N, C-alpha and C. Protein backbone atom coordinates (compact mmCIF):
# COMPACT_ATOMS: atom_id res chain seq x y z
N ASN A 1 151.05 65.67 46.29
CA ASN A 1 150.56 67.38 46.61
C ASN A 1 151.95 67.65 47.98
N MET A 2 152.86 67.47 47.62
CA MET A 2 154.06 67.45 48.69
C MET A 2 154.18 69.04 49.14
N GLN A 3 154.99 69.43 50.09
CA GLN A 3 154.99 70.62 50.41
C GLN A 3 156.22 70.71 51.55
N THR A 4 157.33 71.19 51.04
CA THR A 4 158.36 71.62 52.21
C THR A 4 158.53 72.77 52.78
N ILE A 5 158.81 73.06 54.02
CA ILE A 5 159.05 74.06 54.97
C ILE A 5 160.24 73.81 55.73
N LEU A 6 161.17 74.65 55.58
CA LEU A 6 162.35 75.02 56.14
C LEU A 6 162.61 75.84 57.20
N GLU A 7 162.64 75.20 58.22
CA GLU A 7 163.32 76.30 59.41
C GLU A 7 164.65 76.30 59.31
N CYS A 8 165.00 77.53 58.89
CA CYS A 8 166.27 78.00 58.66
C CYS A 8 167.11 77.96 59.77
N GLN A 9 166.86 78.71 60.71
CA GLN A 9 167.96 78.58 62.25
C GLN A 9 167.76 77.47 62.97
N ALA A 10 166.83 76.67 62.75
CA ALA A 10 166.68 75.25 63.51
C ALA A 10 167.68 74.22 62.90
N THR A 11 167.91 74.03 61.40
CA THR A 11 168.28 73.16 60.37
C THR A 11 167.48 72.33 60.25
N VAL A 12 166.22 72.39 60.63
CA VAL A 12 165.04 71.53 60.16
C VAL A 12 164.36 71.77 58.97
N LEU A 13 164.17 70.60 58.16
CA LEU A 13 163.18 70.55 57.04
C LEU A 13 161.93 69.62 57.70
N ASN A 14 160.79 70.33 57.08
CA ASN A 14 159.58 70.01 57.23
C ASN A 14 159.10 69.29 56.14
N VAL A 15 158.33 68.16 55.93
CA VAL A 15 157.55 67.82 55.17
C VAL A 15 156.58 67.19 54.86
N THR A 16 155.33 67.81 54.23
CA THR A 16 153.76 67.45 54.57
C THR A 16 153.63 67.15 53.26
N TRP A 17 152.36 66.04 53.14
CA TRP A 17 151.80 65.60 51.71
C TRP A 17 150.51 64.79 52.08
N GLN A 18 149.55 64.87 51.01
CA GLN A 18 148.14 64.70 50.91
C GLN A 18 148.36 62.78 51.00
N GLN A 19 147.62 62.52 51.71
CA GLN A 19 147.32 60.96 51.65
C GLN A 19 146.35 60.71 50.68
N THR A 20 146.89 59.71 49.86
CA THR A 20 145.93 59.05 48.68
C THR A 20 145.72 57.50 48.78
N GLY A 21 144.84 57.31 48.70
CA GLY A 21 144.62 55.55 49.09
C GLY A 21 144.90 55.28 50.63
N GLN A 22 145.27 54.13 50.63
CA GLN A 22 145.65 53.40 52.08
C GLN A 22 147.20 52.95 51.87
N ALA A 23 147.73 53.73 52.88
CA ALA A 23 149.32 53.39 53.63
C ALA A 23 149.51 53.20 54.85
N ASP A 24 150.18 51.94 54.95
CA ASP A 24 150.87 51.42 56.19
C ASP A 24 151.71 53.00 56.97
N TYR A 25 152.60 53.37 55.84
CA TYR A 25 153.68 53.99 56.57
C TYR A 25 154.51 54.87 55.29
N TYR A 26 155.09 55.72 55.43
CA TYR A 26 156.12 56.28 54.48
C TYR A 26 157.16 56.92 54.44
N HIS A 27 158.05 56.49 53.44
CA HIS A 27 159.66 57.14 53.68
C HIS A 27 159.94 58.22 52.55
N THR A 28 160.38 59.22 53.71
CA THR A 28 160.90 60.34 52.83
C THR A 28 162.30 60.64 52.58
N THR A 29 162.61 60.74 51.75
CA THR A 29 164.45 60.56 51.17
C THR A 29 164.37 62.12 50.96
N VAL A 30 165.82 62.65 51.65
CA VAL A 30 166.14 63.86 51.05
C VAL A 30 167.88 63.85 51.00
N MET A 31 167.79 64.11 49.77
CA MET A 31 169.29 64.01 48.90
C MET A 31 169.65 65.50 48.90
N SER A 32 170.82 65.86 49.32
CA SER A 32 171.56 67.25 49.20
C SER A 32 172.40 67.14 48.12
N SER A 33 172.83 68.33 47.72
CA SER A 33 173.67 68.70 46.70
C SER A 33 174.95 68.04 46.64
N ASP A 34 175.50 67.96 47.84
CA ASP A 34 176.79 67.22 47.97
C ASP A 34 176.53 65.67 48.40
N GLY A 35 175.54 65.01 48.21
CA GLY A 35 175.58 63.71 47.87
C GLY A 35 175.28 63.07 48.98
N GLN A 36 174.88 63.91 50.37
CA GLN A 36 174.26 63.55 51.72
C GLN A 36 173.33 62.61 51.16
N VAL A 37 172.39 61.72 52.05
CA VAL A 37 171.17 61.18 51.95
C VAL A 37 170.91 60.97 53.04
N LEU A 38 169.58 61.70 53.74
CA LEU A 38 168.68 61.68 54.86
C LEU A 38 167.03 61.21 54.30
N GLY A 39 166.67 60.86 55.60
CA GLY A 39 165.39 60.28 55.35
C GLY A 39 164.88 60.08 56.73
N CYS A 40 163.29 59.91 56.68
CA CYS A 40 162.70 59.27 58.00
C CYS A 40 161.43 58.87 57.50
N ASP A 41 161.07 57.89 58.39
CA ASP A 41 159.73 56.95 58.14
C ASP A 41 158.56 57.73 59.48
N SER A 42 157.68 57.47 58.62
CA SER A 42 156.31 57.94 59.04
C SER A 42 155.08 57.50 58.72
N ASN A 43 154.13 57.12 59.95
CA ASN A 43 152.81 56.78 59.65
C ASN A 43 151.52 57.73 59.54
N THR A 44 152.23 59.11 59.47
CA THR A 44 151.45 60.12 59.04
C THR A 44 151.42 60.82 57.93
N THR A 45 151.13 61.84 57.45
CA THR A 45 151.33 62.55 56.41
C THR A 45 152.14 63.97 56.74
N PHE A 46 153.27 63.56 57.78
CA PHE A 46 154.01 64.53 58.27
C PHE A 46 155.60 63.82 58.29
N CYS A 47 156.53 64.28 58.12
CA CYS A 47 158.04 63.88 58.42
C CYS A 47 158.84 65.05 58.79
N GLN A 48 159.70 65.06 59.69
CA GLN A 48 160.79 65.83 60.09
C GLN A 48 162.09 65.66 59.93
N VAL A 49 163.01 66.15 59.00
CA VAL A 49 164.05 66.04 58.68
C VAL A 49 165.13 66.71 59.20
N PRO A 50 166.17 66.27 60.50
CA PRO A 50 167.07 67.13 61.28
C PRO A 50 168.30 67.13 60.37
N ASN A 51 168.93 67.74 60.87
CA ASN A 51 170.53 68.13 60.40
C ASN A 51 170.97 68.87 58.91
N ILE A 52 169.99 69.52 58.34
CA ILE A 52 170.07 70.21 57.24
C ILE A 52 171.03 71.05 57.32
N LEU A 53 172.14 70.86 56.19
CA LEU A 53 173.28 71.92 56.33
C LEU A 53 173.16 72.66 55.64
N CYS A 54 173.94 74.13 56.06
CA CYS A 54 173.63 75.41 55.36
C CYS A 54 174.41 75.30 53.90
N GLY A 55 173.87 76.18 52.77
CA GLY A 55 174.33 76.21 51.45
C GLY A 55 174.13 75.31 50.66
N LEU A 56 173.32 74.25 50.88
CA LEU A 56 172.72 73.40 49.91
C LEU A 56 171.73 73.12 49.53
N THR A 57 171.36 72.94 48.15
CA THR A 57 170.05 72.49 47.87
C THR A 57 169.71 71.05 48.19
N TYR A 58 168.51 70.86 48.54
CA TYR A 58 168.26 69.26 48.71
C TYR A 58 166.84 68.90 47.71
N SER A 59 167.01 67.62 47.03
CA SER A 59 165.82 67.34 46.68
C SER A 59 164.73 66.18 47.74
N VAL A 60 163.68 66.53 47.71
CA VAL A 60 162.80 65.66 48.45
C VAL A 60 161.78 64.83 47.53
N MET A 61 161.85 63.38 48.16
CA MET A 61 160.52 62.52 47.30
C MET A 61 160.12 61.62 48.61
N VAL A 62 158.81 61.29 48.47
CA VAL A 62 158.02 60.49 49.38
C VAL A 62 157.63 59.10 48.51
N VAL A 63 157.76 58.11 49.34
CA VAL A 63 157.47 56.63 48.79
C VAL A 63 156.41 56.27 49.83
N ALA A 64 155.12 55.58 49.39
CA ALA A 64 153.94 55.06 50.37
C ALA A 64 154.29 53.69 50.42
N TYR A 65 154.36 52.94 51.28
CA TYR A 65 154.41 51.55 51.57
C TYR A 65 153.18 51.07 52.23
N SER A 66 152.49 49.71 51.71
CA SER A 66 151.31 49.21 52.69
C SER A 66 152.09 47.62 52.91
N GLN A 67 151.49 46.55 53.31
CA GLN A 67 151.56 45.51 53.66
C GLN A 67 151.76 44.77 52.23
N THR A 68 151.41 44.85 51.22
CA THR A 68 151.28 44.25 49.98
C THR A 68 152.37 44.60 48.72
N CYS A 69 152.34 46.29 49.03
CA CYS A 69 153.13 46.69 47.99
C CYS A 69 153.68 48.08 48.50
N ASN A 70 154.37 49.01 47.37
CA ASN A 70 154.72 50.08 47.54
C ASN A 70 154.27 50.91 46.51
N SER A 71 153.85 52.54 46.53
CA SER A 71 153.94 52.86 45.89
C SER A 71 155.18 53.59 44.65
N SER A 72 155.32 54.57 43.70
CA SER A 72 156.00 55.02 42.97
C SER A 72 156.52 56.18 43.86
N GLN A 73 157.93 56.35 43.11
CA GLN A 73 158.34 57.91 44.03
C GLN A 73 157.34 58.79 43.63
N SER A 74 157.10 59.96 44.73
CA SER A 74 156.19 61.38 44.36
C SER A 74 157.32 62.21 43.44
N SER A 75 156.66 63.22 43.12
CA SER A 75 157.41 64.23 42.23
C SER A 75 158.22 64.99 43.25
N VAL A 76 159.30 65.10 42.36
CA VAL A 76 160.52 65.54 43.60
C VAL A 76 160.31 67.10 43.86
N GLU A 77 160.54 67.52 44.66
CA GLU A 77 160.36 68.76 45.51
C GLU A 77 161.86 69.41 45.76
N TYR A 78 162.11 70.55 45.24
CA TYR A 78 163.65 71.00 46.11
C TYR A 78 163.62 72.57 46.72
N VAL A 79 164.52 72.27 47.61
CA VAL A 79 164.54 72.83 48.72
C VAL A 79 165.83 73.60 49.01
N THR A 80 166.45 74.77 49.09
CA THR A 80 167.55 75.33 49.25
C THR A 80 167.79 75.80 50.93
N SER A 81 169.00 75.41 51.51
CA SER A 81 168.78 75.95 52.84
C SER A 81 169.59 77.13 53.12
N ALA A 82 169.55 77.15 54.39
CA ALA A 82 170.16 78.85 54.65
C ALA A 82 171.45 79.15 54.34
N PRO A 83 171.93 80.00 53.80
CA PRO A 83 173.39 80.73 53.39
C PRO A 83 174.08 80.24 54.43
N CYS A 84 175.70 80.00 54.34
CA CYS A 84 176.50 79.51 55.38
C CYS A 84 176.96 81.11 55.90
N PRO A 85 177.34 81.17 57.04
CA PRO A 85 177.82 82.19 57.64
C PRO A 85 179.49 82.49 57.17
N PRO A 86 179.80 83.70 56.88
CA PRO A 86 181.10 83.75 56.59
C PRO A 86 182.36 83.13 57.33
N ASP A 87 183.34 82.12 56.84
CA ASP A 87 184.56 81.39 57.83
C ASP A 87 185.06 82.60 58.72
N ALA A 88 185.41 83.61 58.23
CA ALA A 88 185.95 84.65 59.23
C ALA A 88 185.87 86.22 58.86
N ILE A 89 185.86 87.18 59.87
CA ILE A 89 185.47 88.18 59.30
C ILE A 89 186.74 89.30 59.80
N PHE A 90 186.94 89.94 58.98
CA PHE A 90 188.18 91.30 59.43
C PHE A 90 187.31 92.57 59.53
N ALA A 91 187.46 93.08 60.61
CA ALA A 91 186.75 94.48 60.69
C ALA A 91 188.33 95.25 60.96
N VAL A 92 188.28 96.39 60.56
CA VAL A 92 189.32 97.43 60.66
C VAL A 92 188.76 98.95 60.76
N LEU A 93 189.42 99.52 62.06
CA LEU A 93 188.61 100.62 62.09
C LEU A 93 189.41 101.74 61.83
N ASP A 94 188.79 102.38 60.93
CA ASP A 94 189.60 103.96 60.75
C ASP A 94 189.11 104.90 60.83
N CYS A 95 189.69 105.43 62.10
CA CYS A 95 188.99 106.94 62.63
C CYS A 95 188.96 108.40 61.82
N ASP A 96 189.87 108.08 60.99
CA ASP A 96 190.05 108.97 59.87
C ASP A 96 188.87 109.27 58.94
N LEU A 97 188.09 108.17 58.66
CA LEU A 97 187.32 108.20 57.39
C LEU A 97 185.89 107.95 58.55
N ASN A 98 186.05 107.54 59.50
CA ASN A 98 184.91 107.49 60.58
C ASN A 98 184.10 106.16 60.29
N THR A 99 184.83 105.22 59.92
CA THR A 99 183.64 103.72 59.42
C THR A 99 184.65 102.36 59.91
N VAL A 100 183.75 101.69 59.84
CA VAL A 100 184.39 100.24 60.30
C VAL A 100 184.36 99.57 58.94
N VAL A 101 185.35 99.08 58.16
CA VAL A 101 185.47 98.41 57.13
C VAL A 101 185.67 96.50 57.55
N ASP A 102 184.24 95.92 56.96
CA ASP A 102 185.08 94.44 57.28
C ASP A 102 184.76 93.43 55.84
N GLY A 103 185.45 92.62 55.84
CA GLY A 103 185.25 92.01 54.43
C GLY A 103 184.61 90.67 54.57
N VAL A 104 183.32 90.87 54.61
CA VAL A 104 182.08 89.96 54.70
C VAL A 104 181.43 89.80 53.51
N LEU A 105 180.23 88.97 53.75
CA LEU A 105 179.09 89.00 52.91
C LEU A 105 178.00 89.53 53.49
N TYR A 106 176.82 90.17 52.84
CA TYR A 106 175.56 90.37 53.43
C TYR A 106 175.31 91.52 54.18
N ILE A 107 174.89 90.62 55.40
CA ILE A 107 174.19 91.99 56.33
C ILE A 107 175.50 92.03 57.22
N ALA A 108 176.14 93.04 57.70
CA ALA A 108 177.02 93.42 58.45
C ALA A 108 176.52 94.50 59.67
N GLN A 109 176.72 94.07 60.99
CA GLN A 109 176.35 94.70 61.92
C GLN A 109 177.40 95.03 62.91
N ALA A 110 177.69 96.70 63.29
CA ALA A 110 178.87 96.70 64.33
C ALA A 110 177.73 97.19 65.55
N PHE A 111 177.92 96.34 67.06
CA PHE A 111 177.13 96.91 67.92
C PHE A 111 177.90 97.30 69.00
N TYR A 112 177.40 97.82 69.92
CA TYR A 112 178.14 97.85 71.52
C TYR A 112 178.04 96.83 72.13
N PRO A 113 179.03 96.52 72.84
CA PRO A 113 179.34 94.91 73.43
C PRO A 113 178.04 94.59 74.62
N ASN A 114 177.22 95.54 75.14
CA ASN A 114 176.87 95.56 76.16
C ASN A 114 175.38 95.81 75.67
N ASN A 115 175.45 96.20 74.57
CA ASN A 115 173.74 96.60 74.08
C ASN A 115 173.75 95.76 72.39
N ASP A 116 173.28 94.62 72.36
CA ASP A 116 173.19 94.37 70.80
C ASP A 116 171.79 94.66 70.10
N ASN A 117 171.13 95.68 71.07
CA ASN A 117 170.21 95.94 70.48
C ASN A 117 170.09 97.33 69.50
N ASP A 118 171.37 98.06 69.94
CA ASP A 118 171.48 99.24 69.41
C ASP A 118 172.66 99.05 68.43
N TYR A 119 172.35 99.30 67.04
CA TYR A 119 173.58 98.78 66.26
C TYR A 119 173.35 99.46 65.19
N TYR A 120 174.74 99.59 64.29
CA TYR A 120 175.19 100.27 62.99
C TYR A 120 175.17 98.96 62.03
N MET A 121 174.79 99.49 60.48
CA MET A 121 174.52 98.37 59.91
C MET A 121 175.02 98.71 58.07
N CYS A 122 175.34 97.62 57.38
CA CYS A 122 175.51 98.09 55.89
C CYS A 122 175.07 96.85 55.09
N ASN A 123 174.24 96.92 54.18
CA ASN A 123 174.15 95.64 53.16
C ASN A 123 174.84 95.50 52.03
N THR A 124 175.22 94.62 51.83
CA THR A 124 175.75 94.04 50.69
C THR A 124 175.83 92.65 49.78
N THR A 125 175.99 92.88 48.51
CA THR A 125 176.35 91.50 47.91
C THR A 125 178.02 91.08 47.96
N GLU A 126 178.71 92.33 47.88
CA GLU A 126 179.95 91.80 47.79
C GLU A 126 180.92 91.40 48.97
N THR A 127 182.12 91.30 49.06
CA THR A 127 182.59 90.90 50.12
C THR A 127 183.13 91.98 51.15
N SER A 128 182.44 93.13 50.99
CA SER A 128 182.87 93.91 51.99
C SER A 128 182.00 95.22 51.99
N CYS A 129 181.68 96.09 52.95
CA CYS A 129 180.76 97.25 53.09
C CYS A 129 181.60 98.15 54.13
N ASP A 130 180.84 99.45 54.13
CA ASP A 130 181.33 100.26 55.14
C ASP A 130 180.24 100.76 56.10
N ILE A 131 180.55 100.63 57.54
CA ILE A 131 179.68 101.11 58.26
C ILE A 131 180.05 102.19 58.96
N THR A 132 179.32 103.38 59.15
CA THR A 132 179.65 104.56 59.53
C THR A 132 179.51 104.32 61.34
N VAL A 133 180.39 104.52 62.22
CA VAL A 133 180.33 104.63 63.73
C VAL A 133 180.85 105.59 64.29
N ALA A 134 180.75 105.73 65.43
CA ALA A 134 181.31 107.23 66.09
C ALA A 134 182.92 106.72 66.64
N CYS A 135 184.24 107.22 66.56
CA CYS A 135 184.99 107.06 67.11
C CYS A 135 185.24 106.96 68.21
N GLY A 136 186.11 106.48 69.31
CA GLY A 136 186.32 106.25 70.59
C GLY A 136 185.42 105.38 71.26
N MET A 137 184.48 104.67 70.41
CA MET A 137 183.87 103.23 71.17
C MET A 137 185.02 102.01 70.69
N ASP A 138 184.10 101.00 71.32
CA ASP A 138 184.56 99.86 70.78
C ASP A 138 183.34 99.16 70.40
N TYR A 139 183.22 98.36 69.60
CA TYR A 139 182.12 97.67 68.76
C TYR A 139 182.27 96.09 68.62
N ASN A 140 181.30 95.42 68.60
CA ASN A 140 181.09 93.81 68.37
C ASN A 140 180.59 93.68 66.78
N VAL A 141 181.70 93.33 66.08
CA VAL A 141 181.10 93.26 64.14
C VAL A 141 180.71 92.02 63.91
N THR A 142 179.54 91.62 63.36
CA THR A 142 179.19 90.33 63.01
C THR A 142 178.36 90.38 61.64
N VAL A 143 178.40 89.08 60.75
CA VAL A 143 177.87 89.29 59.88
C VAL A 143 176.67 88.04 59.67
N VAL A 144 175.45 88.76 59.17
CA VAL A 144 174.26 87.71 58.91
C VAL A 144 173.80 87.41 57.73
N PRO A 145 174.24 85.95 56.91
CA PRO A 145 173.86 85.79 56.03
C PRO A 145 172.55 85.39 55.16
N LEU A 146 171.93 86.11 54.30
CA LEU A 146 170.27 86.24 53.75
C LEU A 146 170.23 86.04 52.47
N LYS A 147 169.44 85.09 52.37
CA LYS A 147 169.30 84.40 50.84
C LYS A 147 167.86 83.90 50.93
N ASP A 148 167.14 84.49 49.70
CA ASP A 148 165.61 84.29 49.41
C ASP A 148 164.84 83.93 50.54
N GLY A 149 165.14 85.07 51.39
CA GLY A 149 164.28 85.22 52.50
C GLY A 149 164.65 84.20 53.77
N CYS A 150 165.30 83.31 53.61
CA CYS A 150 166.33 82.51 54.62
C CYS A 150 167.36 82.92 55.42
N THR A 151 167.46 83.68 56.51
CA THR A 151 168.55 83.81 57.39
C THR A 151 169.20 82.87 57.96
N GLY A 152 170.35 83.04 57.48
CA GLY A 152 171.66 81.79 58.01
C GLY A 152 172.13 82.31 59.49
N GLU A 153 172.92 81.65 59.94
CA GLU A 153 173.72 81.95 61.30
C GLU A 153 174.22 82.90 61.09
N ASN A 154 174.60 83.76 62.20
CA ASN A 154 175.45 85.07 62.66
C ASN A 154 176.94 84.43 62.30
N SER A 155 177.97 84.98 61.93
CA SER A 155 179.50 84.80 61.69
C SER A 155 179.78 84.94 63.41
N PRO A 156 180.92 84.31 63.63
CA PRO A 156 181.53 84.91 64.89
C PRO A 156 181.88 86.31 64.97
N VAL A 157 181.69 86.51 66.18
CA VAL A 157 181.83 88.11 66.38
C VAL A 157 183.17 88.38 66.55
N GLN A 158 183.54 89.66 65.75
CA GLN A 158 184.97 90.14 65.92
C GLN A 158 184.97 91.49 66.71
N TYR A 159 185.67 91.73 67.67
CA TYR A 159 186.08 92.65 68.43
C TYR A 159 186.95 94.07 68.03
N VAL A 160 185.98 95.29 68.07
CA VAL A 160 186.97 95.92 67.32
C VAL A 160 187.13 97.47 68.66
N MET A 161 188.11 97.22 69.00
CA MET A 161 188.46 98.87 69.83
C MET A 161 189.23 99.83 69.09
N ALA A 162 188.25 100.78 69.87
CA ALA A 162 188.46 102.14 68.86
C ALA A 162 189.59 103.19 69.50
């Protein structure tokens, strides 16, 4: 009865399971869809695997060990990490249209440089969207990727001068 809990922003995968029988320790193996193998050993029914990379699917399995033998592998659980932020964003201010156009994915935000709590935004599954803003102001533009309820890191901020 294994359970995987992904801490998206912390890039950490927590793995828990129920103990059946006697075991001295457990070994958790985590393999990414690009072939990277991670793992951890634990003498409890919990293991924390760091360095989870964005945009990958991971298979997770656990083996129990005692002094005399080891168990077969547990059933395999799959978990998908947070989406990766865009490599670069391009923001173009068009005062005739009164919009900022940026060529990126997911949730784009334009906010004032000294106040990131007050922002304009647009959502898209395409590679661009339009944000309506007031001309004559300066904005920082960033993009937040989101997939399956897991929020990835923000893209680097692009400064736009009106």
